[in-house]
Amino acid sequence: MNSPMKLLDVIALIEDLPDLRLYRGQVGTIVEVYEPGVFEVEFSDTQGRTYALETLKQKQLMALYHQPIAEIVPL
């Protein structure tokens, strides 16, 4: 699925970023779109406390979906 990521999309990291203390599989939310393919992503714990806020590129992220893809984008 190659639809563009947008504000408030839930994402997961697809690569380790040890300098930022972020690792593949961590889940965040896009909170700002700076330009196509560049996003501010907020990472929060299960209590809603932000533990990281980083500018990341789309190639570092994977969009997560909570429903069948066909319901989001018709085939």
PDB file of N, CA and C in Angstrom:
ATOM      1  N   MET A   1       0.854  -1.178   0.000  1.00  0.00           N
ATOM      2  CA  MET A   1       0.000   0.000   0.000  1.00  0.00           C
ATOM      3  C   MET A   1       0.890   1.228   0.000  1.00  0.00           C
ATOM      4  N   ASN A   2       0.697   2.116  -0.952  1.00  0.00           N
ATOM      5  CA  ASN A   2       1.581   3.268  -1.101  1.00  0.00           C
ATOM      6  C   ASN A   2       0.857   4.595  -0.956  1.00  0.00           C
ATOM      7  N   SER A   3      -0.234   4.643  -0.200  1.00  0.00           N
ATOM      8  CA  SER A   3      -0.916   5.921  -0.022  1.00  0.00           C
ATOM      9  C   SER A   3      -0.065   6.831   0.842  1.00  0.00           C
ATOM     10  N   PRO A   4      -0.131   8.139   0.612  1.00  0.00           N
ATOM     11  CA  PRO A   4       0.707   9.061   1.372  1.00  0.00           C
ATOM     12  C   PRO A   4       0.320   9.077   2.855  1.00  0.00           C
ATOM     13  N   MET A   5       1.319   9.196   3.692  1.00  0.00           N
ATOM     14  CA  MET A   5       1.057   9.331   5.125  1.00  0.00           C
ATOM     15  C   MET A   5       0.578  10.749   5.385  1.00  0.00           C
ATOM     16  N   LYS A   6      -0.238  10.880   6.441  1.00  0.00           N
ATOM     17  CA  LYS A   6      -0.827  12.190   6.716  1.00  0.00           C
ATOM     18  C   LYS A   6      -0.889  12.438   8.217  1.00  0.00           C
ATOM     19  N   LEU A   7      -1.270  13.644   8.564  1.00  0.00           N
ATOM     20  CA  LEU A   7      -1.412  14.064   9.946  1.00  0.00           C
ATOM     21  C   LEU A   7      -2.282  13.080  10.722  1.00  0.00           C
ATOM     22  N   LEU A   8      -1.828  12.693  11.905  1.00  0.00           N
ATOM     23  CA  LEU A   8      -2.497  11.805  12.855  1.00  0.00           C
ATOM     24  C   LEU A   8      -2.479  10.332  12.465  1.00  0.00           C
ATOM     25  N   ASP A   9      -1.785   9.964  11.396  1.00  0.00           N
ATOM     26  CA  ASP A   9      -1.611   8.543  11.088  1.00  0.00           C
ATOM     27  C   ASP A   9      -0.789   7.889  12.194  1.00  0.00           C
ATOM     28  N   VAL A  10      -1.149   6.664  12.526  1.00  0.00           N
ATOM     29  CA  VAL A  10      -0.378   5.863  13.467  1.00  0.00           C
ATOM     30  C   VAL A  10       0.656   5.108  12.654  1.00  0.00           C
ATOM     31  N   ILE A  11       1.909   5.149  13.110  1.00  0.00           N
ATOM     32  CA  ILE A  11       3.013   4.547  12.350  1.00  0.00           C
ATOM     33  C   ILE A  11       3.845   3.636  13.263  1.00  0.00           C
ATOM     34  N   ALA A  12       4.680   2.840  12.636  1.00  0.00           N
ATOM     35  CA  ALA A  12       5.697   2.068  13.349  1.00  0.00           C
ATOM     36  C   ALA A  12       7.030   2.321  12.670  1.00  0.00           C
ATOM     37  N   LEU A  13       8.076   2.372  13.455  1.00  0.00           N
ATOM     38  CA  LEU A  13       9.419   2.493  12.887  1.00  0.00           C
ATOM     39  C   LEU A  13       9.787   1.196  12.194  1.00  0.00           C
ATOM     40  N   ILE A  14      10.483   1.282  11.070  1.00  0.00           N
ATOM     41  CA  ILE A  14      10.938   0.078  10.380  1.00  0.00           C
ATOM     42  C   ILE A  14      12.458  -0.035  10.405  1.00  0.00           C
ATOM     43  N   GLU A  15      13.114   0.818  11.178  1.00  0.00           N
ATOM     44  CA  GLU A  15      14.561   0.715  11.347  1.00  0.00           C
ATOM     45  C   GLU A  15      14.927   1.177  12.754  1.00  0.00           C
ATOM     46  N   ASP A  16      16.054   0.698  13.224  1.00  0.00           N
ATOM     47  CA  ASP A  16      16.573   1.122  14.525  1.00  0.00           C
ATOM     48  C   ASP A  16      17.228   2.491  14.407  1.00  0.00           C
ATOM     49  N   LEU A  17      16.980   3.351  15.397  1.00  0.00           N
ATOM     50  CA  LEU A  17      17.603   4.672  15.482  1.00  0.00           C
ATOM     51  C   LEU A  17      18.222   4.801  16.880  1.00  0.00           C
ATOM     52  N   PRO A  18      19.290   4.052  17.140  1.00  0.00           N
ATOM     53  CA  PRO A  18      19.841   4.004  18.499  1.00  0.00           C
ATOM     54  C   PRO A  18      20.300   5.358  19.033  1.00  0.00           C
ATOM     55  N   ASP A  19      20.749   6.254  18.168  1.00  0.00           N
ATOM     56  CA  ASP A  19      21.161   7.588  18.629  1.00  0.00           C
ATOM     57  C   ASP A  19      19.983   8.359  19.215  1.00  0.00           C
ATOM     58  N   LEU A  20      18.769   8.018  18.775  1.00  0.00           N
ATOM     59  CA  LEU A  20      17.551   8.670  19.270  1.00  0.00           C
ATOM     60  C   LEU A  20      16.859   7.826  20.339  1.00  0.00           C
ATOM     61  N   ARG A  21      17.427   6.656  20.638  1.00  0.00           N
ATOM     62  CA  ARG A  21      16.849   5.692  21.572  1.00  0.00           C
ATOM     63  C   ARG A  21      15.481   5.206  21.099  1.00  0.00           C
ATOM     64  N   LEU A  22      15.363   5.031  19.789  1.00  0.00           N
ATOM     65  CA  LEU A  22      14.153   4.508  19.165  1.00  0.00           C
ATOM     66  C   LEU A  22      14.532   3.275  18.355  1.00  0.00           C
ATOM     67  N   TYR A  23      13.617   2.287  18.343  1.00  0.00           N
ATOM     68  CA  TYR A  23      13.939   1.019  17.714  1.00  0.00           C
ATOM     69  C   TYR A  23      12.779   0.508  16.872  1.00  0.00           C
ATOM     70  N   ARG A  24      13.138  -0.313  15.900  1.00  0.00           N
ATOM     71  CA  ARG A  24      12.171  -0.883  14.979  1.00  0.00           C
ATOM     72  C   ARG A  24      10.993  -1.467  15.754  1.00  0.00           C
ATOM     73  N   GLY A  25       9.798  -1.134  15.295  1.00  0.00           N
ATOM     74  CA  GLY A  25       8.590  -1.644  15.918  1.00  0.00           C
ATOM     75  C   GLY A  25       7.924  -0.683  16.881  1.00  0.00           C
ATOM     76  N   GLN A  26       8.648   0.354  17.315  1.00  0.00           N
ATOM     77  CA  GLN A  26       8.017   1.320  18.209  1.00  0.00           C
ATOM     78  C   GLN A  26       6.949   2.092  17.440  1.00  0.00           C
ATOM     79  N   VAL A  27       5.845   2.379  18.135  1.00  0.00           N
ATOM     80  CA  VAL A  27       4.671   2.982  17.517  1.00  0.00           C
ATOM     81  C   VAL A  27       4.568   4.456  17.895  1.00  0.00           C
ATOM     82  N   GLY A  28       4.234   5.280  16.910  1.00  0.00           N
ATOM     83  CA  GLY A  28       4.068   6.710  17.141  1.00  0.00           C
ATOM     84  C   GLY A  28       2.925   7.262  16.315  1.00  0.00           C
ATOM     85  N   THR A  29       2.724   8.574  16.433  1.00  0.00           N
ATOM     86  CA  THR A  29       1.674   9.277  15.698  1.00  0.00           C
ATOM     87  C   THR A  29       2.273  10.475  14.980  1.00  0.00           C
ATOM     88  N   ILE A  30       1.911  10.670  13.723  1.00  0.00           N
ATOM     89  CA  ILE A  30       2.360  11.847  12.979  1.00  0.00           C
ATOM     90  C   ILE A  30       1.611  13.058  13.532  1.00  0.00           C
ATOM     91  N   VAL A  31       2.368  14.031  14.035  1.00  0.00           N
ATOM     92  CA  VAL A  31       1.750  15.224  14.623  1.00  0.00           C
ATOM     93  C   VAL A  31       2.022  16.489  13.810  1.00  0.00           C
ATOM     94  N   GLU A  32       2.858  16.385  12.790  1.00  0.00           N
ATOM     95  CA  GLU A  32       3.124  17.520  11.899  1.00  0.00           C
ATOM     96  C   GLU A  32       3.671  16.982  10.592  1.00  0.00           C
ATOM     97  N   VAL A  33       3.269  17.616   9.494  1.00  0.00           N
ATOM     98  CA  VAL A  33       3.803  17.295   8.165  1.00  0.00           C
ATOM     99  C   VAL A  33       4.580  18.516   7.722  1.00  0.00           C
ATOM    100  N   TYR A  34       5.904  18.362   7.563  1.00  0.00           N
ATOM    101  CA  TYR A  34       6.744  19.499   7.176  1.00  0.00           C
ATOM    102  C   TYR A  34       6.812  19.694   5.678  1.00  0.00           C
ATOM    103  N   GLU A  35       6.904  18.600   4.961  1.00  0.00           N
ATOM    104  CA  GLU A  35       6.929  18.591   3.497  1.00  0.00           C
ATOM    105  C   GLU A  35       6.626  17.167   3.090  1.00  0.00           C
ATOM    106  N   PRO A  36       6.352  16.916   1.832  1.00  0.00           N
ATOM    107  CA  PRO A  36       6.040  15.539   1.449  1.00  0.00           C
ATOM    108  C   PRO A  36       7.141  14.571   1.903  1.00  0.00           C
ATOM    109  N   GLY A  37       6.738  13.570   2.677  1.00  0.00           N
ATOM    110  CA  GLY A  37       7.678  12.545   3.122  1.00  0.00           C
ATOM    111  C   GLY A  37       8.497  12.889   4.351  1.00  0.00           C
ATOM    112  N   VAL A  38       8.226  14.026   5.002  1.00  0.00           N
ATOM    113  CA  VAL A  38       8.957  14.423   6.217  1.00  0.00           C
ATOM    114  C   VAL A  38       7.945  14.790   7.301  1.00  0.00           C
ATOM    115  N   PHE A  39       8.053  14.109   8.444  1.00  0.00           N
ATOM    116  CA  PHE A  39       7.037  14.224   9.483  1.00  0.00           C
ATOM    117  C   PHE A  39       7.644  14.408  10.870  1.00  0.00           C
ATOM    118  N   GLU A  40       6.918  15.092  11.724  1.00  0.00           N
ATOM    119  CA  GLU A  40       7.211  15.114  13.154  1.00  0.00           C
ATOM    120  C   GLU A  40       6.385  13.983  13.753  1.00  0.00           C
ATOM    121  N   VAL A  41       7.049  13.066  14.454  1.00  0.00           N
ATOM    122  CA  VAL A  41       6.367  11.904  15.007  1.00  0.00           C
ATOM    123  C   VAL A  41       6.521  11.909  16.519  1.00  0.00           C
ATOM    124  N   GLU A  42       5.398  11.743  17.195  1.00  0.00           N
ATOM    125  CA  GLU A  42       5.385  11.685  18.651  1.00  0.00           C
ATOM    126  C   GLU A  42       5.260  10.226  19.084  1.00  0.00           C
ATOM    127  N   PHE A  43       6.119   9.830  20.014  1.00  0.00           N
ATOM    128  CA  PHE A  43       6.086   8.496  20.592  1.00  0.00           C
ATOM    129  C   PHE A  43       5.671   8.643  22.050  1.00  0.00           C
ATOM    130  N   SER A  44       4.618   7.928  22.447  1.00  0.00           N
ATOM    131  CA  SER A  44       4.082   8.026  23.797  1.00  0.00           C
ATOM    132  C   SER A  44       3.990   6.640  24.424  1.00  0.00           C
ATOM    133  N   ASP A  45       4.065   6.604  25.763  1.00  0.00           N
ATOM    134  CA  ASP A  45       3.908   5.330  26.462  1.00  0.00           C
ATOM    135  C   ASP A  45       2.419   5.022  26.646  1.00  0.00           C
ATOM    136  N   THR A  46       2.108   3.914  27.305  1.00  0.00           N
ATOM    137  CA  THR A  46       0.714   3.505  27.467  1.00  0.00           C
ATOM    138  C   THR A  46      -0.070   4.421  28.398  1.00  0.00           C
ATOM    139  N   GLN A  47       0.622   5.305  29.109  1.00  0.00           N
ATOM    140  CA  GLN A  47      -0.040   6.291  29.963  1.00  0.00           C
ATOM    141  C   GLN A  47      -0.246   7.622  29.238  1.00  0.00           C
ATOM    142  N   GLY A  48       0.185   7.701  27.972  1.00  0.00           N
ATOM    143  CA  GLY A  48       0.023   8.914  27.184  1.00  0.00           C
ATOM    144  C   GLY A  48       1.136   9.928  27.356  1.00  0.00           C
ATOM    145  N   ARG A  49       2.217   9.535  28.049  1.00  0.00           N
ATOM    146  CA  ARG A  49       3.347  10.453  28.249  1.00  0.00           C
ATOM    147  C   ARG A  49       4.308  10.355  27.070  1.00  0.00           C
ATOM    148  N   THR A  50       4.617  11.494  26.478  1.00  0.00           N
ATOM    149  CA  THR A  50       5.544  11.537  25.352  1.00  0.00           C
ATOM    150  C   THR A  50       6.948  11.204  25.826  1.00  0.00           C
ATOM    151  N   TYR A  51       7.598  10.254  25.143  1.00  0.00           N
ATOM    152  CA  TYR A  51       8.985   9.936  25.458  1.00  0.00           C
ATOM    153  C   TYR A  51       9.932  10.282  24.315  1.00  0.00           C
ATOM    154  N   ALA A  52       9.392  10.620  23.150  1.00  0.00           N
ATOM    155  CA  ALA A  52      10.233  11.076  22.039  1.00  0.00           C
ATOM    156  C   ALA A  52       9.367  11.865  21.064  1.00  0.00           C
ATOM    157  N   LEU A  53       9.963  12.878  20.473  1.00  0.00           N
ATOM    158  CA  LEU A  53       9.331  13.692  19.439  1.00  0.00           C
ATOM    159  C   LEU A  53      10.427  13.967  18.423  1.00  0.00           C
ATOM    160  N   GLU A  54      10.327  13.327  17.265  1.00  0.00           N
ATOM    161  CA  GLU A  54      11.417  13.367  16.288  1.00  0.00           C
ATOM    162  C   GLU A  54      10.905  13.643  14.886  1.00  0.00           C
ATOM    163  N   THR A  55      11.747  14.287  14.081  1.00  0.00           N
ATOM    164  CA  THR A  55      11.479  14.489  12.665  1.00  0.00           C
ATOM    165  C   THR A  55      12.034  13.280  11.920  1.00  0.00           C
ATOM    166  N   LEU A  56      11.146  12.602  11.196  1.00  0.00           N
ATOM    167  CA  LEU A  56      11.529  11.372  10.503  1.00  0.00           C
ATOM    168  C   LEU A  56      11.026  11.398   9.065  1.00  0.00           C
ATOM    169  N   LYS A  57      11.655  10.569   8.227  1.00  0.00           N
ATOM    170  CA  LYS A  57      11.273  10.465   6.817  1.00  0.00           C
ATOM    171  C   LYS A  57      10.362   9.270   6.603  1.00  0.00           C
ATOM    172  N   GLN A  58       9.523   9.365   5.592  1.00  0.00           N
ATOM    173  CA  GLN A  58       8.560   8.302   5.305  1.00  0.00           C
ATOM    174  C   GLN A  58       9.249   6.957   5.121  1.00  0.00           C
ATOM    175  N   LYS A  59      10.448   6.942   4.546  1.00  0.00           N
ATOM    176  CA  LYS A  59      11.142   5.670   4.313  1.00  0.00           C
ATOM    177  C   LYS A  59      11.521   4.971   5.624  1.00  0.00           C
ATOM    178  N   GLN A  60      11.450   5.674   6.750  1.00  0.00           N
ATOM    179  CA  GLN A  60      11.756   5.091   8.062  1.00  0.00           C
ATOM    180  C   GLN A  60      10.516   4.560   8.763  1.00  0.00           C
ATOM    181  N   LEU A  61       9.347   4.734   8.134  1.00  0.00           N
ATOM    182  CA  LEU A  61       8.073   4.475   8.796  1.00  0.00           C
ATOM    183  C   LEU A  61       7.188   3.516   8.006  1.00  0.00           C
ATOM    184  N   MET A  62       6.262   2.890   8.727  1.00  0.00           N
ATOM    185  CA  MET A  62       5.239   2.063   8.124  1.00  0.00           C
ATOM    186  C   MET A  62       3.909   2.472   8.741  1.00  0.00           C
ATOM    187  N   ALA A  63       2.928   2.769   7.914  1.00  0.00           N
ATOM    188  CA  ALA A  63       1.596   3.122   8.422  1.00  0.00           C
ATOM    189  C   ALA A  63       0.939   1.874   9.004  1.00  0.00           C
ATOM    190  N   LEU A  64       0.208   2.054  10.102  1.00  0.00           N
ATOM    191  CA  LEU A  64      -0.531   0.962  10.733  1.00  0.00           C
ATOM    192  C   LEU A  64      -2.014   1.191  10.505  1.00  0.00           C
ATOM    193  N   TYR A  65      -2.760   0.107  10.340  1.00  0.00           N
ATOM    194  CA  TYR A  65      -4.187   0.184  10.059  1.00  0.00           C
ATOM    195  C   TYR A  65      -4.951  -0.665  11.066  1.00  0.00           C
ATOM    196  N   HIS A  66      -6.088  -0.171  11.513  1.00  0.00           N
ATOM    197  CA  HIS A  66      -6.901  -0.861  12.504  1.00  0.00           C
ATOM    198  C   HIS A  66      -8.144  -1.492  11.881  1.00  0.00           C
ATOM    199  N   GLN A  67      -8.167  -1.592  10.568  1.00  0.00           N
ATOM    200  CA  GLN A  67      -9.288  -2.194   9.853  1.00  0.00           C
ATOM    201  C   GLN A  67      -8.766  -2.757   8.548  1.00  0.00           C
ATOM    202  N   PRO A  68      -9.547  -3.572   7.875  1.00  0.00           N
ATOM    203  CA  PRO A  68      -9.077  -4.122   6.602  1.00  0.00           C
ATOM    204  C   PRO A  68      -8.711  -3.007   5.622  1.00  0.00           C
ATOM    205  N   ILE A  69      -7.639  -3.197   4.918  1.00  0.00           N
ATOM    206  CA  ILE A  69      -7.146  -2.193   3.971  1.00  0.00           C
ATOM    207  C   ILE A  69      -8.201  -1.858   2.920  1.00  0.00           C
ATOM    208  N   ALA A  70      -8.970  -2.824   2.460  1.00  0.00           N
ATOM    209  CA  ALA A  70      -9.981  -2.565   1.425  1.00  0.00           C
ATOM    210  C   ALA A  70     -10.994  -1.521   1.885  1.00  0.00           C
ATOM    211  N   GLU A  71     -11.218  -1.377   3.205  1.00  0.00           N
ATOM    212  CA  GLU A  71     -12.136  -0.374   3.698  1.00  0.00           C
ATOM    213  C   GLU A  71     -11.528   1.019   3.648  1.00  0.00           C
ATOM    214  N   ILE A  72     -10.206   1.111   3.633  1.00  0.00           N
ATOM    215  CA  ILE A  72      -9.522   2.407   3.601  1.00  0.00           C
ATOM    216  C   ILE A  72      -9.388   2.883   2.165  1.00  0.00           C
ATOM    217  N   VAL A  73      -8.890   2.022   1.293  1.00  0.00           N
ATOM    218  CA  VAL A  73      -8.695   2.348  -0.113  1.00  0.00           C
ATOM    219  C   VAL A  73      -9.310   1.218  -0.933  1.00  0.00           C
ATOM    220  N   PRO A  74     -10.406   1.475  -1.619  1.00  0.00           N
ATOM    221  CA  PRO A  74     -11.030   0.403  -2.413  1.00  0.00           C
ATOM    222  C   PRO A  74     -10.055  -0.174  -3.428  1.00  0.00           C
ATOM    223  N   LEU A  75     -10.113  -1.483  -3.598  1.00  0.00           N
ATOM    224  CA  LEU A  75      -9.218  -2.154  -4.563  1.00  0.00           C
ATOM    225  C   LEU A  75      -9.699  -1.974  -5.973  1.00  0.00           C
TER     226      LEU A  75
END
